[in-house]
């Protein structure tokens, strides 16, 4: 296979969780541009329909599957429905996630539970359900969306960093357990990107100025810049890459 052809995803079915907007939608678009059939996921059918229509208008093969990634029963039903209605899942991107900011001494138990369930439990639930389909087929790609907070801390987000640090190690564990069955499991660690999740930080001149100076590339990331990393890890081009976290962060994790 020629090198450029190894990046193609023609006909492969890809489920991207939390993909009605932001990073998830940008990754879905990138996978679709590489030829994949993409399945958008979220809890709001109307938002999903709008995102699906936008991708379909660009000529992409797109489907939607609304379900709550924190509900293991709903996850299992949805994965089964996708396999029956659309085709065998060959790519999974665990992207669903939330952020909650507060001083650690004041962080509520409810917010801790919600954050862990969304950022960590969901990757286990969906990853396990999809892997059970992939393993008998002897192939599959799973990409977990980690974070620079898988490595670095910041004030007032200790629980978020804990969830993303755990997701990094879950990624490695998945690769170890499922690699012998032909699955490749890797992570993408985005730096600071202009998303709805970071809207308050983008709008804060003091933080934004600090971030630009802290990041060697001297700017915020654009969500479209994550698509190439996702296509690489979803494709045959990364056939011997397993258990790796690819940081797309403008070198922020490389610099003190």
Protein backbone atom coordinates (compact mmCIF):
# COMPACT_ATOMS: atom_id res chain seq x y z
CA UNK A 1 0.00 0.00 0.00
CA UNK A 2 1.31 3.44 -0.94
CA UNK A 3 1.92 5.75 1.99
CA UNK A 4 -0.80 8.27 1.17
CA UNK A 5 -3.31 5.50 0.50
CA UNK A 6 -2.66 4.09 3.97
CA UNK A 7 -4.35 7.17 5.44
CA UNK A 8 -7.63 6.49 3.60
CA UNK A 9 -10.67 5.32 5.58
CA UNK A 10 -13.01 4.55 2.69
CA UNK A 11 -16.18 2.81 3.80
CA UNK A 12 -15.12 2.31 7.41
CA UNK A 13 -17.76 3.06 10.04
CA UNK A 14 -16.59 5.48 12.75
CA UNK A 15 -18.49 6.39 15.92
CA UNK A 16 -17.46 9.69 17.51
CA UNK A 17 -19.02 10.41 20.90
CA UNK A 18 -19.87 13.98 21.87
CA UNK A 19 -19.67 15.03 18.24
CA UNK A 20 -22.49 17.52 17.73
CA UNK A 21 -20.02 20.43 18.06
CA UNK A 22 -16.45 21.41 18.91
CA UNK A 23 -13.60 18.91 18.87
CA UNK A 24 -15.85 15.92 18.24
CA UNK A 25 -17.48 17.46 15.18
CA UNK A 26 -14.11 18.59 13.80
CA UNK A 27 -12.74 15.06 14.15
CA UNK A 28 -15.87 13.59 12.57
CA UNK A 29 -15.45 15.93 9.62
CA UNK A 30 -11.81 14.91 9.23
CA UNK A 31 -12.63 11.21 9.30
CA UNK A 32 -15.42 11.76 6.77
CA UNK A 33 -13.07 13.64 4.46
CA UNK A 34 -10.78 10.58 4.58
CA UNK A 35 -13.70 8.43 3.40
CA UNK A 36 -15.26 7.10 6.60
CA UNK A 37 -18.95 6.76 7.30
CA UNK A 38 -19.29 8.79 10.48
CA UNK A 39 -21.82 8.27 13.25
CA UNK A 40 -22.39 11.41 15.29
CA UNK A 41 -23.39 11.04 18.92
CA UNK A 42 -24.85 13.29 21.58
CA UNK A 43 -27.88 13.50 23.83
CA UNK A 44 -29.76 16.21 21.92
CA UNK A 45 -31.32 14.88 18.69
CA UNK A 46 -31.95 18.39 17.33
CA UNK A 47 -28.30 19.43 17.71
CA UNK A 48 -27.21 16.17 16.13
CA UNK A 49 -29.54 16.68 13.19
CA UNK A 50 -28.09 20.14 12.56
CA UNK A 51 -24.51 18.83 12.70
CA UNK A 52 -25.41 15.90 10.45
CA UNK A 53 -27.06 18.18 7.91
CA UNK A 54 -23.97 20.40 7.78
CA UNK A 55 -21.68 17.44 7.05
CA UNK A 56 -24.11 15.86 4.58
CA UNK A 57 -24.30 19.17 2.69
CA UNK A 58 -20.55 18.84 2.13
CA UNK A 59 -21.08 15.42 0.55
CA UNK A 60 -20.13 13.26 3.52
CA UNK A 61 -21.70 9.94 4.55
CA UNK A 62 -23.08 10.72 7.98
CA UNK A 63 -25.46 9.09 10.47
CA UNK A 64 -26.64 10.00 13.95
CA UNK A 65 -27.13 7.94 17.10
CA UNK A 66 -28.43 9.83 20.12
CA UNK A 67 -27.62 8.15 23.43
CA UNK A 68 -26.20 8.92 26.86
CA UNK A 69 -22.59 7.68 27.03
CA UNK A 70 -22.78 7.56 30.84
CA UNK A 71 -25.59 4.96 30.75
CA UNK A 72 -24.05 1.54 30.13
CA UNK A 73 -27.36 -0.06 29.11
CA UNK A 74 -28.03 2.72 26.60
CA UNK A 75 -24.48 2.37 25.27
CA UNK A 76 -24.85 -1.36 24.66
CA UNK A 77 -28.18 -0.87 22.89
CA UNK A 78 -26.78 1.93 20.72
CA UNK A 79 -23.66 0.01 19.68
CA UNK A 80 -25.82 -2.97 18.73
CA UNK A 81 -28.12 -0.69 16.73
CA UNK A 82 -25.20 0.89 14.86
CA UNK A 83 -23.74 -2.51 13.98
CA UNK A 84 -27.14 -3.70 12.70
CA UNK A 85 -28.31 -0.54 10.94
CA UNK A 86 -25.07 0.90 9.52
CA UNK A 87 -22.35 -1.72 9.62
CA UNK A 88 -19.45 -3.05 11.69
CA UNK A 89 -17.71 -0.40 13.73
CA UNK A 90 -14.05 -0.18 12.78
CA UNK A 91 -13.26 3.16 14.45
CA UNK A 92 -14.32 4.61 17.80
CA UNK A 93 -13.40 8.06 19.07
CA UNK A 94 -14.24 8.53 22.76
CA UNK A 95 -14.55 12.31 22.81
CA UNK A 96 -17.45 13.07 25.19
CA UNK A 97 -16.31 15.20 28.08
CA UNK A 98 -17.12 18.09 30.40
CA UNK A 99 -15.24 20.57 32.55
CA UNK A 100 -16.12 21.77 36.05
CA UNK A 101 -13.98 24.46 37.71
CA UNK A 102 -13.82 25.16 41.45
CA UNK A 103 -11.23 25.25 44.25
CA UNK A 104 -10.60 21.65 45.24
CA UNK A 105 -11.59 22.20 48.89
CA UNK A 106 -14.98 23.44 47.67
CA UNK A 107 -15.55 20.94 44.84
CA UNK A 108 -18.90 19.23 45.31
CA UNK A 109 -19.35 15.48 45.33
CA UNK A 110 -22.08 15.83 42.70
CA UNK A 111 -19.75 17.65 40.32
CA UNK A 112 -16.98 15.10 40.96
CA UNK A 113 -19.33 12.22 40.14
CA UNK A 114 -20.71 13.90 37.02
CA UNK A 115 -17.24 14.74 35.74
CA UNK A 116 -15.82 11.25 36.31
CA UNK A 117 -18.83 9.56 34.81
CA UNK A 118 -18.69 11.70 31.67
CA UNK A 119 -14.93 11.89 31.14
CA UNK A 120 -13.84 8.43 32.32
CA UNK A 121 -16.72 6.00 32.80
CA UNK A 122 -18.10 6.75 29.34
CA UNK A 123 -14.82 5.78 27.67
CA UNK A 124 -14.92 2.47 29.56
CA UNK A 125 -18.59 1.82 28.72
CA UNK A 126 -18.37 2.69 25.02
CA UNK A 127 -14.86 1.30 24.59
CA UNK A 128 -15.83 -2.03 26.10
CA UNK A 129 -19.06 -2.31 24.09
CA UNK A 130 -17.30 -1.55 20.81
CA UNK A 131 -14.26 -3.72 21.60
CA UNK A 132 -16.55 -6.70 22.16
CA UNK A 133 -17.65 -6.27 18.54
CA UNK A 134 -14.16 -5.61 17.19
CA UNK A 135 -12.34 -8.47 18.94
CA UNK A 136 -14.03 -11.34 17.03
CA UNK A 137 -13.20 -9.52 13.77
CA UNK A 138 -9.55 -9.16 14.74
CA UNK A 139 -9.20 -5.46 14.00
CA UNK A 140 -10.30 -2.01 15.11
CA UNK A 141 -9.13 1.45 16.10
CA UNK A 142 -10.08 3.19 19.34
CA UNK A 143 -9.00 6.77 20.02
CA UNK A 144 -9.56 8.32 23.44
CA UNK A 145 -9.50 12.10 23.65
CA UNK A 146 -7.22 12.83 26.57
CA UNK A 147 -5.75 16.28 27.32
CA UNK A 148 -2.60 18.13 28.24
CA UNK A 149 -4.16 17.80 31.70
CA UNK A 150 -3.36 14.11 31.40
CA UNK A 151 0.16 15.37 32.20
CA UNK A 152 -0.14 18.90 33.61
CA UNK A 153 -2.13 20.47 36.42
CA UNK A 154 -3.79 23.87 36.73
CA UNK A 155 -5.50 25.61 39.66
CA UNK A 156 -9.18 24.78 40.22
CA UNK A 157 -9.36 21.81 37.83
CA UNK A 158 -7.82 18.99 39.87
CA UNK A 159 -10.80 16.63 39.31
CA UNK A 160 -10.68 17.25 35.54
CA UNK A 161 -6.94 16.54 35.51
CA UNK A 162 -7.57 13.39 37.54
CA UNK A 163 -10.16 12.19 35.02
CA UNK A 164 -7.86 12.85 32.06
CA UNK A 165 -4.85 11.29 33.80
CA UNK A 166 -6.95 8.20 34.43
CA UNK A 167 -8.12 8.19 30.79
CA UNK A 168 -4.48 8.17 29.68
CA UNK A 169 -3.84 5.05 31.74
CA UNK A 170 -7.12 3.45 30.63
CA UNK A 171 -5.92 3.99 27.06
CA UNK A 172 -2.69 2.16 27.79
CA UNK A 173 -4.58 -0.63 29.56
CA UNK A 174 -6.95 -1.06 26.63
CA UNK A 175 -3.99 -1.31 24.27
CA UNK A 176 -2.35 -3.94 26.45
CA UNK A 177 -5.48 -6.07 26.86
CA UNK A 178 -6.88 -5.69 23.36
CA UNK A 179 -3.70 -5.40 21.29
CA UNK A 180 -3.32 -9.19 21.10
CA UNK A 181 -6.77 -9.26 19.45
CA UNK A 182 -5.76 -6.89 16.65
CA UNK A 183 -7.02 -3.63 18.15
CA UNK A 184 -5.02 -0.41 18.23
CA UNK A 185 -5.93 1.91 21.11
CA UNK A 186 -4.34 5.34 21.32
CA UNK A 187 -5.11 8.78 22.67
CA UNK A 188 -4.99 12.35 21.45
CA UNK A 189 -4.04 14.98 24.02
CA UNK A 190 -5.30 18.37 22.82
CA UNK A 191 -3.71 21.49 24.20
CA UNK A 192 -5.75 24.67 24.53
CA UNK A 193 -8.23 24.96 21.67
CA UNK A 194 -10.92 27.48 20.92
CA UNK A 195 -14.04 25.52 21.91
CA UNK A 196 -17.27 26.13 23.81
CA UNK A 197 -15.64 24.31 26.75
CA UNK A 198 -12.90 26.97 26.83
CA UNK A 199 -15.07 29.96 25.87
CA UNK A 200 -14.59 31.68 29.23
CA UNK A 201 -10.81 31.31 28.98
CA UNK A 202 -10.67 32.53 25.39
CA UNK A 203 -12.66 35.61 26.42
CA UNK A 204 -10.34 36.31 29.38
CA UNK A 205 -7.53 38.59 28.10
CA UNK A 206 -5.28 37.90 31.09
CA UNK A 207 -5.50 34.12 30.67
CA UNK A 208 -5.31 34.24 26.90
CA UNK A 209 -2.19 36.41 27.00
CA UNK A 210 -0.61 34.08 29.54
CA UNK A 211 -1.46 31.02 27.43
CA UNK A 212 0.00 32.48 24.24
CA UNK A 213 3.26 33.21 26.05
CA UNK A 214 3.24 29.79 27.76
CA UNK A 215 2.72 27.91 24.46
CA UNK A 216 5.83 27.75 22.23
CA UNK A 217 3.64 27.99 19.12
CA UNK A 218 2.36 31.28 20.56
CA UNK A 219 -1.36 30.83 19.88
CA UNK A 220 -4.55 28.92 20.66
CA UNK A 221 -5.23 25.79 18.62
CA UNK A 222 -8.00 25.53 16.05
CA UNK A 223 -10.17 22.41 16.31
CA UNK A 224 -9.56 21.57 12.64
CA UNK A 225 -5.91 20.95 13.58
CA UNK A 226 -6.93 17.80 15.47
CA UNK A 227 -8.39 16.10 12.40
CA UNK A 228 -5.06 14.98 10.95
CA UNK A 229 -4.01 13.28 14.17
CA UNK A 230 -7.35 11.46 14.32
CA UNK A 231 -7.12 10.29 10.71
CA UNK A 232 -3.59 9.02 11.32
CA UNK A 233 -4.55 7.03 14.42
CA UNK A 234 -7.73 5.70 12.77
CA UNK A 235 -5.94 4.54 9.62
CA UNK A 236 -3.55 1.82 8.50
CA UNK A 237 -0.79 4.46 8.58
CA UNK A 238 -0.61 3.89 12.35
CA UNK A 239 -0.71 0.08 12.18
CA UNK A 240 2.11 -0.38 14.74
CA UNK A 241 1.19 2.57 16.98
CA UNK A 242 -0.52 1.25 20.10
CA UNK A 243 -0.89 2.58 23.65
CA UNK A 244 0.43 6.01 22.64
CA UNK A 245 -0.87 9.48 23.58
CA UNK A 246 -0.29 11.96 20.75
CA UNK A 247 -0.18 15.49 22.18
CA UNK A 248 -1.42 18.14 19.77
CA UNK A 249 -0.61 21.12 21.93
CA UNK A 250 1.77 23.58 20.30
CA UNK A 251 4.58 22.10 22.48
CA UNK A 252 3.06 23.22 25.78
CA UNK A 253 3.84 19.83 27.39
CA UNK A 254 7.42 20.08 26.15
CA UNK A 255 8.16 23.40 27.81
CA UNK A 256 8.60 24.62 31.37
